[in-house]
């Protein structure tokens, strides 16, 4: 069967299921919720505009998180050493390897992923977090037969940029740099062809908090991407956090008046732009999140690949509210979700 955008849309309209060649049985989604008590369902600490109050508990058998767990899970380091000046040395171990990904119900994809000792392989990769001025030390290991690397957006020396030192199969590279500037950034493989390495899943978010914490809020990370499941250079699915339609089938629960902060990143390949539209509300948008005095008030923003920003909003009224790409084709192919706002 030829798999393309039209066939997916046609099948969706008919209520049918499209399964990519080599697909395995789909994972059954549970009834997860975001959890606003300071601990994600994955067992690690997540924050509401502050800094970590403890360390994640090591799991015996690391597993990939669901998109609902991923939404509010921030990885502050496998080992953290506090310094007298108030900064910290944050050490992370990250491994890249091939993995079959479920990108929509009944559709799997031969991806490449990043994982940690406590977080199983997934795309997007784990959301790394630090405070401005901290030292980030990443021990990166490649267990794939293809060379890979890790490139971080931000300010750091050229020899820590993850561009020239490609890591071969079985190789290891240590990246170390000061976390700056504060804001929301991304990391991804920078090995040629970069299009292939990003479109197969080697990307994640890096959040650097300002020295003075932002105002408290319920915080979430959303990475916009597309999946080219038949390798024709065009996306058949579009997602937030890796699985098409997930947040439409599993609404994100909020409370009336609850302040929400979304770290939004666009890593969509094969399309020049992606977008975010919030229904029945407006948000403050901080481009890149590096200036707290520079924002616009809107309900729709557009991002090119690699662009990112911070959205802040609260709902006045209970109900269900869509959020989605304001490119209708993207929304129809999976980039759509719901907030369920309760009193």
C-alpha atoms as a PDB file:
ATOM      1  CA  UNK A   1       0.000   0.000   0.000  1.00  0.00           C
ATOM      2  CA  UNK A   2       1.313   3.452  -0.872  1.00  0.00           C
ATOM      3  CA  UNK A   3       1.362   5.594   2.242  1.00  0.00           C
ATOM      4  CA  UNK A   4       0.989   9.341   1.734  1.00  0.00           C
ATOM      5  CA  UNK A   5      -0.827  12.347   3.153  1.00  0.00           C
ATOM      6  CA  UNK A   6      -3.955  11.824   1.099  1.00  0.00           C
ATOM      7  CA  UNK A   7      -4.260   8.159   2.040  1.00  0.00           C
ATOM      8  CA  UNK A   8      -3.886   9.013   5.725  1.00  0.00           C
ATOM      9  CA  UNK A   9      -6.516  11.741   5.546  1.00  0.00           C
ATOM     10  CA  UNK A  10      -8.853   9.521   3.576  1.00  0.00           C
ATOM     11  CA  UNK A  11      -8.438   6.666   6.052  1.00  0.00           C
ATOM     12  CA  UNK A  12      -8.943   8.989   8.990  1.00  0.00           C
ATOM     13  CA  UNK A  13     -12.121  10.372   7.495  1.00  0.00           C
ATOM     14  CA  UNK A  14     -13.426   6.844   6.994  1.00  0.00           C
ATOM     15  CA  UNK A  15     -12.536   5.906  10.561  1.00  0.00           C
ATOM     16  CA  UNK A  16      -9.968   3.350   9.392  1.00  0.00           C
ATOM     17  CA  UNK A  17      -6.566   2.582  10.847  1.00  0.00           C
ATOM     18  CA  UNK A  18      -3.427   2.934   8.758  1.00  0.00           C
ATOM     19  CA  UNK A  19      -0.492   0.726   9.709  1.00  0.00           C
ATOM     20  CA  UNK A  20       2.985   1.321   8.339  1.00  0.00           C
ATOM     21  CA  UNK A  21       4.937  -1.588   6.949  1.00  0.00           C
ATOM     22  CA  UNK A  22       6.531  -3.606   9.720  1.00  0.00           C
ATOM     23  CA  UNK A  23       4.227  -2.181  12.389  1.00  0.00           C
ATOM     24  CA  UNK A  24       3.941  -3.963  15.697  1.00  0.00           C
ATOM     25  CA  UNK A  25       0.932  -4.142  17.978  1.00  0.00           C
ATOM     26  CA  UNK A  26       0.133  -0.641  19.284  1.00  0.00           C
ATOM     27  CA  UNK A  27       0.692   0.219  22.914  1.00  0.00           C
ATOM     28  CA  UNK A  28      -2.526   0.722  24.870  1.00  0.00           C
ATOM     29  CA  UNK A  29      -2.667   4.193  26.378  1.00  0.00           C
ATOM     30  CA  UNK A  30      -3.634   4.524  30.027  1.00  0.00           C
ATOM     31  CA  UNK A  31      -5.649   7.316  31.618  1.00  0.00           C
ATOM     32  CA  UNK A  32      -2.761   9.512  32.723  1.00  0.00           C
ATOM     33  CA  UNK A  33      -3.106  13.006  34.120  1.00  0.00           C
ATOM     34  CA  UNK A  34      -0.539  15.770  34.301  1.00  0.00           C
ATOM     35  CA  UNK A  35      -0.290  15.790  38.090  1.00  0.00           C
ATOM     36  CA  UNK A  36       0.150  19.191  39.707  1.00  0.00           C
ATOM     37  CA  UNK A  37       1.576  18.119  43.051  1.00  0.00           C
ATOM     38  CA  UNK A  38       5.243  18.579  42.131  1.00  0.00           C
ATOM     39  CA  UNK A  39       5.959  15.003  41.036  1.00  0.00           C
ATOM     40  CA  UNK A  40       5.521  13.628  37.548  1.00  0.00           C
ATOM     41  CA  UNK A  41       3.961  10.236  36.954  1.00  0.00           C
ATOM     42  CA  UNK A  42       7.388   9.063  35.762  1.00  0.00           C
ATOM     43  CA  UNK A  43       8.807   9.393  39.250  1.00  0.00           C
ATOM     44  CA  UNK A  44      11.059  12.424  38.733  1.00  0.00           C
ATOM     45  CA  UNK A  45      10.714  15.887  40.209  1.00  0.00           C
ATOM     46  CA  UNK A  46       9.178  18.642  38.122  1.00  0.00           C
ATOM     47  CA  UNK A  47       8.975  22.275  39.015  1.00  0.00           C
ATOM     48  CA  UNK A  48       6.460  25.095  39.051  1.00  0.00           C
ATOM     49  CA  UNK A  49       8.734  28.012  38.230  1.00  0.00           C
ATOM     50  CA  UNK A  50      11.455  27.144  40.764  1.00  0.00           C
ATOM     51  CA  UNK A  51      14.430  24.838  41.129  1.00  0.00           C
ATOM     52  CA  UNK A  52      14.680  21.177  42.118  1.00  0.00           C
ATOM     53  CA  UNK A  53      13.976  20.221  45.663  1.00  0.00           C
ATOM     54  CA  UNK A  54      15.302  16.676  45.278  1.00  0.00           C
ATOM     55  CA  UNK A  55      16.640  14.131  42.839  1.00  0.00           C
ATOM     56  CA  UNK A  56      14.848  11.586  40.693  1.00  0.00           C
ATOM     57  CA  UNK A  57      14.704   8.039  42.043  1.00  0.00           C
ATOM     58  CA  UNK A  58      16.632   5.512  39.943  1.00  0.00           C
ATOM     59  CA  UNK A  59      14.409   2.940  38.256  1.00  0.00           C
ATOM     60  CA  UNK A  60      15.587  -0.621  37.831  1.00  0.00           C
ATOM     61  CA  UNK A  61      14.213  -0.915  34.317  1.00  0.00           C
ATOM     62  CA  UNK A  62      14.138   2.429  32.502  1.00  0.00           C
ATOM     63  CA  UNK A  63      11.137   2.899  30.240  1.00  0.00           C
ATOM     64  CA  UNK A  64       9.994   5.587  27.879  1.00  0.00           C
ATOM     65  CA  UNK A  65       7.461   7.958  29.348  1.00  0.00           C
ATOM     66  CA  UNK A  66       4.033   8.522  27.851  1.00  0.00           C
ATOM     67  CA  UNK A  67       3.485  11.964  26.302  1.00  0.00           C
ATOM     68  CA  UNK A  68       1.440  12.883  29.385  1.00  0.00           C
ATOM     69  CA  UNK A  69       4.326  12.028  31.697  1.00  0.00           C
ATOM     70  CA  UNK A  70       6.817  13.697  29.368  1.00  0.00           C
ATOM     71  CA  UNK A  71       4.817  16.926  29.410  1.00  0.00           C
ATOM     72  CA  UNK A  72       5.853  17.811  32.971  1.00  0.00           C
ATOM     73  CA  UNK A  73       9.076  15.862  33.470  1.00  0.00           C
ATOM     74  CA  UNK A  74      12.314  17.871  33.745  1.00  0.00           C
ATOM     75  CA  UNK A  75      15.689  16.174  34.132  1.00  0.00           C
ATOM     76  CA  UNK A  76      17.962  18.177  36.445  1.00  0.00           C
ATOM     77  CA  UNK A  77      20.901  15.757  36.225  1.00  0.00           C
ATOM     78  CA  UNK A  78      21.891  12.246  37.258  1.00  0.00           C
ATOM     79  CA  UNK A  79      24.382  13.726  39.726  1.00  0.00           C
ATOM     80  CA  UNK A  80      24.325  17.286  41.109  1.00  0.00           C
ATOM     81  CA  UNK A  81      27.146  18.898  43.075  1.00  0.00           C
ATOM     82  CA  UNK A  82      26.315  22.213  44.732  1.00  0.00           C
ATOM     83  CA  UNK A  83      28.985  24.919  44.829  1.00  0.00           C
ATOM     84  CA  UNK A  84      29.681  27.665  47.330  1.00  0.00           C
ATOM     85  CA  UNK A  85      28.722  30.375  44.812  1.00  0.00           C
ATOM     86  CA  UNK A  86      25.193  28.952  44.522  1.00  0.00           C
ATOM     87  CA  UNK A  87      25.711  27.322  41.128  1.00  0.00           C
ATOM     88  CA  UNK A  88      25.856  23.584  40.549  1.00  0.00           C
ATOM     89  CA  UNK A  89      27.698  21.012  38.476  1.00  0.00           C
ATOM     90  CA  UNK A  90      24.983  18.987  36.768  1.00  0.00           C
ATOM     91  CA  UNK A  91      26.114  15.700  35.258  1.00  0.00           C
ATOM     92  CA  UNK A  92      24.024  13.784  32.742  1.00  0.00           C
ATOM     93  CA  UNK A  93      24.591  10.463  30.976  1.00  0.00           C
ATOM     94  CA  UNK A  94      22.872  10.252  27.604  1.00  0.00           C
ATOM     95  CA  UNK A  95      22.901   7.371  25.139  1.00  0.00           C
ATOM     96  CA  UNK A  96      21.694   7.285  21.531  1.00  0.00           C
ATOM     97  CA  UNK A  97      20.414   4.093  19.941  1.00  0.00           C
ATOM     98  CA  UNK A  98      17.887   2.815  17.369  1.00  0.00           C
ATOM     99  CA  UNK A  99      14.378   2.113  18.602  1.00  0.00           C
ATOM    100  CA  UNK A 100      10.983   1.365  17.122  1.00  0.00           C
ATOM    101  CA  UNK A 101       8.660   4.261  17.943  1.00  0.00           C
ATOM    102  CA  UNK A 102       4.893   4.392  17.993  1.00  0.00           C
ATOM    103  CA  UNK A 103       4.077   7.703  16.286  1.00  0.00           C
ATOM    104  CA  UNK A 104       0.296   7.190  16.026  1.00  0.00           C
ATOM    105  CA  UNK A 105      -2.127   4.460  17.026  1.00  0.00           C
ATOM    106  CA  UNK A 106      -1.120   1.350  15.113  1.00  0.00           C
ATOM    107  CA  UNK A 107       1.749   3.088  13.298  1.00  0.00           C
ATOM    108  CA  UNK A 108       5.370   2.442  14.183  1.00  0.00           C
ATOM    109  CA  UNK A 109       8.561   3.970  12.854  1.00  0.00           C
ATOM    110  CA  UNK A 110      12.262   2.919  12.944  1.00  0.00           C
ATOM    111  CA  UNK A 111      13.632   5.879  14.895  1.00  0.00           C
ATOM    112  CA  UNK A 112      16.810   6.964  16.634  1.00  0.00           C
ATOM    113  CA  UNK A 113      16.446   8.096  20.237  1.00  0.00           C
ATOM    114  CA  UNK A 114      18.208   9.598  23.236  1.00  0.00           C
ATOM    115  CA  UNK A 115      17.868   7.924  26.644  1.00  0.00           C
ATOM    116  CA  UNK A 116      19.284   8.264  30.160  1.00  0.00           C
ATOM    117  CA  UNK A 117      19.931   5.710  32.946  1.00  0.00           C
ATOM    118  CA  UNK A 118      16.431   6.447  34.308  1.00  0.00           C
ATOM    119  CA  UNK A 119      14.471   7.428  31.190  1.00  0.00           C
ATOM    120  CA  UNK A 120      14.040   4.900  28.395  1.00  0.00           C
ATOM    121  CA  UNK A 121      14.569   5.847  24.770  1.00  0.00           C
ATOM    122  CA  UNK A 122      11.953   8.144  23.300  1.00  0.00           C
ATOM    123  CA  UNK A 123      11.447  11.004  20.872  1.00  0.00           C
ATOM    124  CA  UNK A 124      11.565  13.759  21.917  1.00  0.00           C
ATOM    125  CA  UNK A 125      14.516  12.992  24.174  1.00  0.00           C
ATOM    126  CA  UNK A 126      14.566  13.909  27.880  1.00  0.00           C
ATOM    127  CA  UNK A 127      14.039  17.567  28.777  1.00  0.00           C
ATOM    128  CA  UNK A 128      17.296  18.709  30.363  1.00  0.00           C
ATOM    129  CA  UNK A 129      17.160  21.546  32.867  1.00  0.00           C
ATOM    130  CA  UNK A 130      19.655  23.744  34.700  1.00  0.00           C
ATOM    131  CA  UNK A 131      19.994  27.221  36.161  1.00  0.00           C
ATOM    132  CA  UNK A 132      21.942  30.006  34.467  1.00  0.00           C
ATOM    133  CA  UNK A 133      25.568  29.790  35.588  1.00  0.00           C
ATOM    134  CA  UNK A 134      25.459  26.078  36.364  1.00  0.00           C
ATOM    135  CA  UNK A 135      28.018  23.827  34.691  1.00  0.00           C
ATOM    136  CA  UNK A 136      26.477  21.212  32.432  1.00  0.00           C
ATOM    137  CA  UNK A 137      28.540  18.063  31.911  1.00  0.00           C
ATOM    138  CA  UNK A 138      27.116  15.458  29.542  1.00  0.00           C
ATOM    139  CA  UNK A 139      28.680  12.058  29.032  1.00  0.00           C
ATOM    140  CA  UNK A 140      27.309  11.071  25.644  1.00  0.00           C
ATOM    141  CA  UNK A 141      27.541   7.480  24.384  1.00  0.00           C
ATOM    142  CA  UNK A 142      26.553   6.252  20.945  1.00  0.00           C
ATOM    143  CA  UNK A 143      25.458   2.618  20.658  1.00  0.00           C
ATOM    144  CA  UNK A 144      24.089   2.951  17.114  1.00  0.00           C
ATOM    145  CA  UNK A 145      26.013   1.757  14.059  1.00  0.00           C
ATOM    146  CA  UNK A 146      25.767   5.271  12.591  1.00  0.00           C
ATOM    147  CA  UNK A 147      27.847   8.177  13.945  1.00  0.00           C
ATOM    148  CA  UNK A 148      25.895  10.755  15.953  1.00  0.00           C
ATOM    149  CA  UNK A 149      26.532  13.811  18.108  1.00  0.00           C
ATOM    150  CA  UNK A 150      24.779  16.250  20.435  1.00  0.00           C
ATOM    151  CA  UNK A 151      24.564  19.922  19.475  1.00  0.00           C
ATOM    152  CA  UNK A 152      23.154  22.384  22.010  1.00  0.00           C
ATOM    153  CA  UNK A 153      21.698  25.782  21.243  1.00  0.00           C
ATOM    154  CA  UNK A 154      23.097  28.401  23.602  1.00  0.00           C
ATOM    155  CA  UNK A 155      26.504  29.990  24.279  1.00  0.00           C
ATOM    156  CA  UNK A 156      29.564  27.736  24.665  1.00  0.00           C
ATOM    157  CA  UNK A 157      33.058  27.061  23.214  1.00  0.00           C
ATOM    158  CA  UNK A 158      33.296  25.794  19.649  1.00  0.00           C
ATOM    159  CA  UNK A 159      34.882  22.517  20.730  1.00  0.00           C
ATOM    160  CA  UNK A 160      31.764  21.767  22.813  1.00  0.00           C
ATOM    161  CA  UNK A 161      29.327  22.450  19.955  1.00  0.00           C
ATOM    162  CA  UNK A 162      28.804  18.845  18.861  1.00  0.00           C
ATOM    163  CA  UNK A 163      29.445  19.558  15.186  1.00  0.00           C
ATOM    164  CA  UNK A 164      32.998  18.490  14.338  1.00  0.00           C
ATOM    165  CA  UNK A 165      33.558  15.658  16.831  1.00  0.00           C
ATOM    166  CA  UNK A 166      31.241  12.921  15.539  1.00  0.00           C
ATOM    167  CA  UNK A 167      30.859   9.976  17.878  1.00  0.00           C
ATOM    168  CA  UNK A 168      31.171   6.542  16.209  1.00  0.00           C
ATOM    169  CA  UNK A 169      29.512   3.315  17.254  1.00  0.00           C
ATOM    170  CA  UNK A 170      30.686   2.450  20.758  1.00  0.00           C
ATOM    171  CA  UNK A 171      32.240   5.900  21.178  1.00  0.00           C
ATOM    172  CA  UNK A 172      31.907   8.425  23.979  1.00  0.00           C
ATOM    173  CA  UNK A 173      32.112  12.218  24.071  1.00  0.00           C
ATOM    174  CA  UNK A 174      32.015  14.525  27.096  1.00  0.00           C
ATOM    175  CA  UNK A 175      30.427  17.948  26.589  1.00  0.00           C
ATOM    176  CA  UNK A 176      30.955  20.549  29.303  1.00  0.00           C
ATOM    177  CA  UNK A 177      29.864  24.187  29.272  1.00  0.00           C
ATOM    178  CA  UNK A 178      28.283  26.906  31.371  1.00  0.00           C
ATOM    179  CA  UNK A 179      24.484  27.081  31.135  1.00  0.00           C
ATOM    180  CA  UNK A 180      23.743  30.362  29.341  1.00  0.00           C
ATOM    181  CA  UNK A 181      21.744  32.338  28.390  1.00  0.00           C
ATOM    182  CA  UNK A 182      18.573  31.639  30.350  1.00  0.00           C
ATOM    183  CA  UNK A 183      15.582  30.668  28.239  1.00  0.00           C
ATOM    184  CA  UNK A 184      14.299  27.647  26.340  1.00  0.00           C
ATOM    185  CA  UNK A 185      16.685  25.987  23.908  1.00  0.00           C
ATOM    186  CA  UNK A 186      16.991  22.702  22.073  1.00  0.00           C
ATOM    187  CA  UNK A 187      19.542  20.019  21.426  1.00  0.00           C
ATOM    188  CA  UNK A 188      19.790  17.623  18.506  1.00  0.00           C
ATOM    189  CA  UNK A 189      22.145  15.450  16.518  1.00  0.00           C
ATOM    190  CA  UNK A 190      24.235  17.503  14.081  1.00  0.00           C
ATOM    191  CA  UNK A 191      25.571  14.656  11.938  1.00  0.00           C
ATOM    192  CA  UNK A 192      25.039  14.833   8.169  1.00  0.00           C
ATOM    193  CA  UNK A 193      22.496  14.457   6.728  1.00  0.00           C
ATOM    194  CA  UNK A 194      21.016  16.497   9.586  1.00  0.00           C
ATOM    195  CA  UNK A 195      17.545  16.233   8.069  1.00  0.00           C
ATOM    196  CA  UNK A 196      17.629  12.456   8.484  1.00  0.00           C
ATOM    197  CA  UNK A 197      18.928  12.533  12.046  1.00  0.00           C
ATOM    198  CA  UNK A 198      16.303  15.044  13.223  1.00  0.00           C
ATOM    199  CA  UNK A 199      13.425  13.492  11.310  1.00  0.00           C
ATOM    200  CA  UNK A 200      14.188  10.114  12.923  1.00  0.00           C
ATOM    201  CA  UNK A 201      13.935  11.473  16.467  1.00  0.00           C
ATOM    202  CA  UNK A 202      17.292  12.749  17.749  1.00  0.00           C
ATOM    203  CA  UNK A 203      16.138  15.963  19.407  1.00  0.00           C
ATOM    204  CA  UNK A 204      15.139  17.327  22.809  1.00  0.00           C
ATOM    205  CA  UNK A 205      14.716  20.503  24.882  1.00  0.00           C
ATOM    206  CA  UNK A 206      17.207  22.285  27.135  1.00  0.00           C
ATOM    207  CA  UNK A 207      15.681  24.729  29.639  1.00  0.00           C
ATOM    208  CA  UNK A 208      17.937  27.177  31.463  1.00  0.00           C
ATOM    209  CA  UNK A 209      16.247  29.035  34.310  1.00  0.00           C
ATOM    210  CA  UNK A 210      17.200  32.603  35.225  1.00  0.00           C
ATOM    211  CA  UNK A 211      19.140  33.071  38.449  1.00  0.00           C
ATOM    212  CA  UNK A 212      15.992  34.511  40.028  1.00  0.00           C
ATOM    213  CA  UNK A 213      13.167  31.993  39.498  1.00  0.00           C
ATOM    214  CA  UNK A 214      10.228  32.945  37.347  1.00  0.00           C
ATOM    215  CA  UNK A 215       6.836  33.361  38.952  1.00  0.00           C
ATOM    216  CA  UNK A 216       5.293  30.038  39.934  1.00  0.00           C
ATOM    217  CA  UNK A 217       3.211  28.275  37.280  1.00  0.00           C
ATOM    218  CA  UNK A 218       2.279  24.822  36.085  1.00  0.00           C
ATOM    219  CA  UNK A 219       5.046  24.132  33.581  1.00  0.00           C
ATOM    220  CA  UNK A 220       4.952  21.963  30.467  1.00  0.00           C
ATOM    221  CA  UNK A 221       7.236  21.270  27.529  1.00  0.00           C
ATOM    222  CA  UNK A 222       5.846  20.821  24.024  1.00  0.00           C
ATOM    223  CA  UNK A 223       8.030  19.898  21.041  1.00  0.00           C
ATOM    224  CA  UNK A 224       6.367  20.203  17.642  1.00  0.00           C
ATOM    225  CA  UNK A 225       7.574  17.767  14.999  1.00  0.00           C
ATOM    226  CA  UNK A 226       6.548  15.701  11.981  1.00  0.00           C
ATOM    227  CA  UNK A 227       7.050  12.051  11.050  1.00  0.00           C
ATOM    228  CA  UNK A 228       7.899  10.948   7.506  1.00  0.00           C
ATOM    229  CA  UNK A 229       6.945   7.294   7.904  1.00  0.00           C
ATOM    230  CA  UNK A 230       7.408   6.304   4.252  1.00  0.00           C
ATOM    231  CA  UNK A 231      10.669   8.246   3.738  1.00  0.00           C
ATOM    232  CA  UNK A 232       9.420  10.273   0.767  1.00  0.00           C
ATOM    233  CA  UNK A 233      10.600  13.616   2.121  1.00  0.00           C
ATOM    234  CA  UNK A 234       7.162  14.716   3.363  1.00  0.00           C
ATOM    235  CA  UNK A 235       5.507  14.246   6.739  1.00  0.00           C
ATOM    236  CA  UNK A 236       2.510  11.947   7.098  1.00  0.00           C
ATOM    237  CA  UNK A 237       1.949  12.828  10.776  1.00  0.00           C
ATOM    238  CA  UNK A 238       2.440  15.924  12.912  1.00  0.00           C
ATOM    239  CA  UNK A 239       2.674  15.768  16.683  1.00  0.00           C
ATOM    240  CA  UNK A 240       3.374  17.478  19.950  1.00  0.00           C
ATOM    241  CA  UNK A 241       5.722  15.315  22.006  1.00  0.00           C
ATOM    242  CA  UNK A 242       5.916  12.464  19.557  1.00  0.00           C
ATOM    243  CA  UNK A 243       2.525  10.754  19.167  1.00  0.00           C
ATOM    244  CA  UNK A 244      -0.170  12.085  16.835  1.00  0.00           C
ATOM    245  CA  UNK A 245      -3.517  13.030  18.429  1.00  0.00           C
ATOM    246  CA  UNK A 246      -2.362  11.997  21.907  1.00  0.00           C
ATOM    247  CA  UNK A 247      -3.514  15.094  23.782  1.00  0.00           C
ATOM    248  CA  UNK A 248      -6.752  15.106  21.811  1.00  0.00           C
ATOM    249  CA  UNK A 249      -7.523  11.599  23.092  1.00  0.00           C
ATOM    250  CA  UNK A 250      -6.059  12.364  26.544  1.00  0.00           C
ATOM    251  CA  UNK A 251      -6.927  15.987  27.401  1.00  0.00           C
ATOM    252  CA  UNK A 252      -4.577  17.913  29.668  1.00  0.00           C
ATOM    253  CA  UNK A 253      -6.453  18.825  32.823  1.00  0.00           C
ATOM    254  CA  UNK A 254      -6.197  22.356  34.223  1.00  0.00           C
ATOM    255  CA  UNK A 255      -8.063  24.405  36.799  1.00  0.00           C
ATOM    256  CA  UNK A 256      -9.790  27.735  36.277  1.00  0.00           C
ATOM    257  CA  UNK A 257      -7.287  30.480  37.034  1.00  0.00           C
ATOM    258  CA  UNK A 258      -4.299  28.115  37.032  1.00  0.00           C
ATOM    259  CA  UNK A 259      -1.256  29.818  35.519  1.00  0.00           C
ATOM    260  CA  UNK A 260       0.295  27.687  32.785  1.00  0.00           C
ATOM    261  CA  UNK A 261       3.771  28.088  31.301  1.00  0.00           C
ATOM    262  CA  UNK A 262       4.556  26.156  28.107  1.00  0.00           C
ATOM    263  CA  UNK A 263       8.083  25.776  26.764  1.00  0.00           C
ATOM    264  CA  UNK A 264       7.345  25.450  23.029  1.00  0.00           C
ATOM    265  CA  UNK A 265       9.988  24.234  20.540  1.00  0.00           C
ATOM    266  CA  UNK A 266       9.689  23.554  16.797  1.00  0.00           C
ATOM    267  CA  UNK A 267      11.829  20.789  15.271  1.00  0.00           C
ATOM    268  CA  UNK A 268       9.603  20.003  12.281  1.00  0.00           C
ATOM    269  CA  UNK A 269      11.503  18.767   9.216  1.00  0.00           C
ATOM    270  CA  UNK A 270      10.315  19.066   5.578  1.00  0.00           C
ATOM    271  CA  UNK A 271       8.024  22.030   6.359  1.00  0.00           C
ATOM    272  CA  UNK A 272       9.270  25.607   6.682  1.00  0.00           C
ATOM    273  CA  UNK A 273       7.055  26.591   9.615  1.00  0.00           C
ATOM    274  CA  UNK A 274       4.844  25.232  12.349  1.00  0.00           C
ATOM    275  CA  UNK A 275       2.433  27.071  14.608  1.00  0.00           C
ATOM    276  CA  UNK A 276       0.492  27.016  17.873  1.00  0.00           C
ATOM    277  CA  UNK A 277      -3.067  28.311  18.305  1.00  0.00           C
ATOM    278  CA  UNK A 278      -4.917  28.455  21.621  1.00  0.00           C
ATOM    279  CA  UNK A 279      -8.725  28.446  21.533  1.00  0.00           C
ATOM    280  CA  UNK A 280     -10.873  30.942  23.473  1.00  0.00           C
ATOM    281  CA  UNK A 281      -7.878  32.561  25.156  1.00  0.00           C
ATOM    282  CA  UNK A 282      -4.762  34.690  24.662  1.00  0.00           C
ATOM    283  CA  UNK A 283      -1.240  34.117  25.993  1.00  0.00           C
ATOM    284  CA  UNK A 284       1.905  36.085  26.648  1.00  0.00           C
ATOM    285  CA  UNK A 285       4.621  34.913  24.261  1.00  0.00           C
ATOM    286  CA  UNK A 286       8.293  35.371  25.141  1.00  0.00           C
ATOM    287  CA  UNK A 287      10.502  34.642  22.093  1.00  0.00           C
ATOM    288  CA  UNK A 288      13.284  32.242  23.173  1.00  0.00           C
ATOM    289  CA  UNK A 289      12.440  33.170  26.782  1.00  0.00           C
ATOM    290  CA  UNK A 290      15.669  35.131  27.183  1.00  0.00           C
ATOM    291  CA  UNK A 291      14.008  38.459  28.026  1.00  0.00           C
ATOM    292  CA  UNK A 292      11.329  38.775  30.667  1.00  0.00           C
ATOM    293  CA  UNK A 293      10.373  42.306  29.541  1.00  0.00           C
ATOM    294  CA  UNK A 294       9.775  41.383  25.886  1.00  0.00           C
ATOM    295  CA  UNK A 295       6.498  39.664  25.077  1.00  0.00           C
ATOM    296  CA  UNK A 296       3.452  39.901  22.840  1.00  0.00           C
ATOM    297  CA  UNK A 297      -0.177  39.142  23.668  1.00  0.00           C
ATOM    298  CA  UNK A 298      -1.766  36.847  21.099  1.00  0.00           C
ATOM    299  CA  UNK A 299      -3.521  33.525  20.504  1.00  0.00           C
ATOM    300  CA  UNK A 300      -1.406  32.263  17.569  1.00  0.00           C
ATOM    301  CA  UNK A 301       2.342  32.200  16.963  1.00  0.00           C
ATOM    302  CA  UNK A 302       4.502  30.867  14.126  1.00  0.00           C
ATOM    303  CA  UNK A 303       7.911  29.242  14.546  1.00  0.00           C
ATOM    304  CA  UNK A 304      10.511  28.230  11.990  1.00  0.00           C
ATOM    305  CA  UNK A 305      12.611  25.155  12.640  1.00  0.00           C
ATOM    306  CA  UNK A 306      14.771  25.676  15.703  1.00  0.00           C
ATOM    307  CA  UNK A 307      12.689  28.576  16.969  1.00  0.00           C
ATOM    308  CA  UNK A 308      11.227  28.356  20.431  1.00  0.00           C
ATOM    309  CA  UNK A 309       9.530  30.458  23.046  1.00  0.00           C
ATOM    310  CA  UNK A 310       7.567  30.513  26.283  1.00  0.00           C
ATOM    311  CA  UNK A 311       3.774  30.849  26.495  1.00  0.00           C
ATOM    312  CA  UNK A 312       1.959  31.923  29.669  1.00  0.00           C
ATOM    313  CA  UNK A 313      -1.812  31.948  30.189  1.00  0.00           C
ATOM    314  CA  UNK A 314      -4.716  30.999  32.446  1.00  0.00           C
ATOM    315  CA  UNK A 315      -8.328  30.107  31.646  1.00  0.00           C
ATOM    316  CA  UNK A 316     -11.222  32.138  33.079  1.00  0.00           C
ATOM    317  CA  UNK A 317     -13.959  29.635  32.332  1.00  0.00           C
ATOM    318  CA  UNK A 318     -14.346  25.842  32.709  1.00  0.00           C
ATOM    319  CA  UNK A 319     -14.756  23.703  29.612  1.00  0.00           C
ATOM    320  CA  UNK A 320     -12.805  21.915  26.895  1.00  0.00           C
ATOM    321  CA  UNK A 321     -10.528  23.995  24.692  1.00  0.00           C
ATOM    322  CA  UNK A 322      -8.578  23.016  21.594  1.00  0.00           C
ATOM    323  CA  UNK A 323      -4.940  23.861  20.978  1.00  0.00           C
ATOM    324  CA  UNK A 324      -3.430  22.941  17.626  1.00  0.00           C
ATOM    325  CA  UNK A 325      -1.326  23.960  14.663  1.00  0.00           C
ATOM    326  CA  UNK A 326      -2.973  26.720  12.654  1.00  0.00           C
ATOM    327  CA  UNK A 327      -2.006  24.928   9.479  1.00  0.00           C
ATOM    328  CA  UNK A 328      -5.161  22.877   9.040  1.00  0.00           C
ATOM    329  CA  UNK A 329      -3.387  19.997   7.319  1.00  0.00           C
ATOM    330  CA  UNK A 330      -1.051  19.616  10.311  1.00  0.00           C
ATOM    331  CA  UNK A 331      -4.003  19.535  12.705  1.00  0.00           C
ATOM    332  CA  UNK A 332      -5.853  16.965  10.577  1.00  0.00           C
ATOM    333  CA  UNK A 333      -2.721  14.795  10.568  1.00  0.00           C
ATOM    334  CA  UNK A 334      -2.323  14.686  14.337  1.00  0.00           C
ATOM    335  CA  UNK A 335      -1.186  18.077  15.691  1.00  0.00           C
ATOM    336  CA  UNK A 336      -4.219  18.769  17.864  1.00  0.00           C
ATOM    337  CA  UNK A 337      -4.907  18.569  21.599  1.00  0.00           C
ATOM    338  CA  UNK A 338      -7.375  19.558  24.297  1.00  0.00           C
ATOM    339  CA  UNK A 339      -7.205  21.343  27.612  1.00  0.00           C
ATOM    340  CA  UNK A 340      -9.939  20.242  30.003  1.00  0.00           C
ATOM    341  CA  UNK A 341     -10.460  23.131  32.411  1.00  0.00           C
ATOM    342  CA  UNK A 342     -12.313  22.326  35.632  1.00  0.00           C
ATOM    343  CA  UNK A 343     -13.542  24.664  38.417  1.00  0.00           C
END
